[in-house]
Amino acid sequence: MSRLRAQSAVDAETIGYGDQSYWDYLDQSAREKHDYFMGKGDPVTALTMLTRTLSEALRGNDGD
């Protein structure tokens, strides 16, 4: 079982998109966003940060 919690990181690992450090980055970023929204009292958005897919997480990222 993967130690990654964020779906975006699991998706990236599953398809081989990037490497371990990138998967860890995606996971850490999602966890930080989760914690931020929980701190704001928004558990729905917080959960979304952990459950969004890789394509959702990368939406709007044009590489610039």
N, C-alpha and C. Protein backbone atom coordinates (compact mmCIF):
# COMPACT_ATOMS: atom_id res chain seq x y z
N MET A 1 0.84 -1.18 0.00
CA MET A 1 0.00 0.00 0.00
C MET A 1 0.88 1.25 0.00
N SER A 2 0.50 2.21 -0.79
CA SER A 2 1.26 3.43 -0.93
C SER A 2 1.20 4.25 0.36
N ARG A 3 2.28 4.92 0.68
CA ARG A 3 2.31 5.80 1.85
C ARG A 3 1.77 7.18 1.50
N LEU A 4 1.50 7.41 0.23
CA LEU A 4 0.96 8.69 -0.21
C LEU A 4 -0.51 8.79 0.14
N ARG A 5 -0.94 9.96 0.59
CA ARG A 5 -2.35 10.17 0.95
C ARG A 5 -3.12 10.89 -0.13
N ALA A 6 -2.47 11.80 -0.83
CA ALA A 6 -3.15 12.61 -1.84
C ALA A 6 -3.37 11.82 -3.12
N GLN A 7 -4.58 11.86 -3.62
CA GLN A 7 -4.90 11.13 -4.84
C GLN A 7 -4.04 11.58 -6.01
N SER A 8 -3.75 12.86 -6.10
CA SER A 8 -2.91 13.35 -7.20
C SER A 8 -1.54 12.68 -7.18
N ALA A 9 -0.97 12.51 -6.00
CA ALA A 9 0.34 11.86 -5.88
C ALA A 9 0.25 10.38 -6.21
N VAL A 10 -0.81 9.73 -5.76
CA VAL A 10 -1.02 8.31 -6.08
C VAL A 10 -1.17 8.13 -7.59
N ASP A 11 -1.95 9.01 -8.22
CA ASP A 11 -2.14 8.94 -9.67
C ASP A 11 -0.81 9.08 -10.39
N ALA A 12 0.00 10.08 -9.99
CA ALA A 12 1.29 10.31 -10.63
C ALA A 12 2.20 9.09 -10.48
N GLU A 13 2.22 8.51 -9.29
CA GLU A 13 3.05 7.32 -9.05
C GLU A 13 2.56 6.15 -9.91
N THR A 14 1.26 5.98 -9.98
CA THR A 14 0.68 4.86 -10.72
C THR A 14 1.03 4.90 -12.20
N ILE A 15 1.00 6.10 -12.79
CA ILE A 15 1.29 6.19 -14.23
C ILE A 15 2.75 6.49 -14.52
N GLY A 16 3.55 6.65 -13.47
CA GLY A 16 4.97 6.93 -13.65
C GLY A 16 5.25 8.35 -14.10
N TYR A 17 4.39 9.28 -13.70
CA TYR A 17 4.57 10.69 -14.05
C TYR A 17 5.49 11.32 -13.03
N GLY A 18 6.69 11.65 -13.42
CA GLY A 18 7.68 12.18 -12.49
C GLY A 18 8.40 11.06 -11.76
N ASP A 19 8.96 11.41 -10.62
CA ASP A 19 9.69 10.44 -9.81
C ASP A 19 9.27 10.58 -8.35
N GLN A 20 9.93 9.84 -7.49
CA GLN A 20 9.55 9.82 -6.07
C GLN A 20 9.53 11.22 -5.47
N SER A 21 10.51 12.04 -5.80
CA SER A 21 10.53 13.39 -5.21
C SER A 21 9.34 14.22 -5.68
N TYR A 22 8.90 14.04 -6.93
CA TYR A 22 7.73 14.76 -7.42
C TYR A 22 6.47 14.26 -6.75
N TRP A 23 6.35 12.94 -6.57
CA TRP A 23 5.18 12.38 -5.89
C TRP A 23 5.11 12.89 -4.45
N ASP A 24 6.26 12.94 -3.80
CA ASP A 24 6.31 13.46 -2.43
C ASP A 24 5.90 14.93 -2.40
N TYR A 25 6.36 15.70 -3.40
CA TYR A 25 5.98 17.11 -3.48
C TYR A 25 4.47 17.26 -3.63
N LEU A 26 3.87 16.50 -4.54
CA LEU A 26 2.42 16.57 -4.73
C LEU A 26 1.69 16.23 -3.44
N ASP A 27 2.15 15.19 -2.77
CA ASP A 27 1.52 14.76 -1.53
C ASP A 27 1.65 15.83 -0.44
N GLN A 28 2.85 16.36 -0.27
CA GLN A 28 3.08 17.38 0.75
C GLN A 28 2.26 18.63 0.45
N SER A 29 2.22 19.04 -0.78
CA SER A 29 1.45 20.23 -1.17
C SER A 29 -0.03 20.04 -0.86
N ALA A 30 -0.57 18.88 -1.21
CA ALA A 30 -1.98 18.60 -0.94
C ALA A 30 -2.26 18.59 0.56
N ARG A 31 -1.35 18.00 1.33
CA ARG A 31 -1.53 17.97 2.79
C ARG A 31 -1.51 19.37 3.39
N GLU A 32 -0.59 20.21 2.90
CA GLU A 32 -0.51 21.58 3.39
C GLU A 32 -1.78 22.35 3.06
N LYS A 33 -2.29 22.17 1.85
CA LYS A 33 -3.54 22.83 1.46
C LYS A 33 -4.71 22.30 2.30
N HIS A 34 -4.71 21.01 2.55
CA HIS A 34 -5.73 20.41 3.41
C HIS A 34 -5.71 21.07 4.79
N ASP A 35 -4.54 21.15 5.38
CA ASP A 35 -4.40 21.74 6.71
C ASP A 35 -4.82 23.20 6.71
N TYR A 36 -4.47 23.93 5.66
CA TYR A 36 -4.85 25.34 5.56
C TYR A 36 -6.37 25.50 5.58
N PHE A 37 -7.05 24.73 4.74
CA PHE A 37 -8.51 24.85 4.68
C PHE A 37 -9.19 24.33 5.94
N MET A 38 -8.62 23.33 6.58
CA MET A 38 -9.17 22.89 7.86
C MET A 38 -9.04 24.01 8.89
N GLY A 39 -7.91 24.70 8.87
CA GLY A 39 -7.70 25.81 9.78
C GLY A 39 -8.67 26.97 9.54
N LYS A 40 -9.12 27.09 8.30
CA LYS A 40 -10.09 28.12 7.94
C LYS A 40 -11.52 27.67 8.24
N GLY A 41 -11.67 26.43 8.70
CA GLY A 41 -13.01 25.91 9.00
C GLY A 41 -13.77 25.46 7.78
N ASP A 42 -13.05 25.01 6.75
CA ASP A 42 -13.67 24.57 5.50
C ASP A 42 -13.28 23.11 5.23
N PRO A 43 -13.91 22.16 5.93
CA PRO A 43 -13.54 20.76 5.76
C PRO A 43 -13.86 20.19 4.38
N VAL A 44 -14.84 20.74 3.70
CA VAL A 44 -15.19 20.24 2.36
C VAL A 44 -14.05 20.53 1.38
N THR A 45 -13.59 21.77 1.36
CA THR A 45 -12.47 22.11 0.48
C THR A 45 -11.21 21.38 0.92
N ALA A 46 -11.02 21.24 2.22
CA ALA A 46 -9.84 20.53 2.74
C ALA A 46 -9.80 19.10 2.21
N LEU A 47 -10.93 18.41 2.26
CA LEU A 47 -10.98 17.05 1.76
C LEU A 47 -10.72 17.01 0.25
N THR A 48 -11.22 18.00 -0.45
CA THR A 48 -11.00 18.08 -1.89
C THR A 48 -9.51 18.14 -2.23
N MET A 49 -8.72 18.79 -1.39
CA MET A 49 -7.29 18.90 -1.65
C MET A 49 -6.61 17.53 -1.64
N LEU A 50 -7.16 16.59 -0.86
CA LEU A 50 -6.58 15.25 -0.80
C LEU A 50 -7.17 14.29 -1.82
N THR A 51 -8.35 14.59 -2.33
CA THR A 51 -9.04 13.63 -3.20
C THR A 51 -9.04 14.02 -4.66
N ARG A 52 -8.54 15.20 -5.00
CA ARG A 52 -8.55 15.57 -6.42
C ARG A 52 -7.51 14.76 -7.19
N THR A 53 -7.83 14.52 -8.45
CA THR A 53 -6.98 13.71 -9.31
C THR A 53 -5.75 14.50 -9.75
N LEU A 54 -4.82 13.81 -10.36
CA LEU A 54 -3.63 14.48 -10.89
C LEU A 54 -4.03 15.53 -11.91
N SER A 55 -4.93 15.20 -12.81
CA SER A 55 -5.32 16.18 -13.83
C SER A 55 -5.98 17.40 -13.19
N GLU A 56 -6.76 17.21 -12.13
CA GLU A 56 -7.35 18.34 -11.42
C GLU A 56 -6.27 19.18 -10.74
N ALA A 57 -5.30 18.53 -10.15
CA ALA A 57 -4.23 19.23 -9.45
C ALA A 57 -3.36 20.04 -10.42
N LEU A 58 -3.21 19.54 -11.63
CA LEU A 58 -2.36 20.22 -12.62
C LEU A 58 -3.13 21.22 -13.47
N ARG A 59 -4.43 21.26 -13.36
CA ARG A 59 -5.23 22.18 -14.16
C ARG A 59 -4.76 23.61 -13.97
N GLY A 60 -4.51 24.30 -15.07
CA GLY A 60 -4.06 25.67 -15.02
C GLY A 60 -2.55 25.81 -14.90
N ASN A 61 -1.84 24.69 -14.76
CA ASN A 61 -0.39 24.72 -14.68
C ASN A 61 0.17 24.59 -16.09
N ASP A 62 0.56 25.71 -16.67
CA ASP A 62 1.05 25.67 -18.04
C ASP A 62 2.57 25.59 -18.14
N GLY A 63 3.22 25.43 -16.99
CA GLY A 63 4.66 25.23 -16.97
C GLY A 63 5.47 26.51 -17.01
N ASP A 64 4.82 27.64 -17.01
CA ASP A 64 5.55 28.91 -17.02
C ASP A 64 5.96 29.34 -15.63
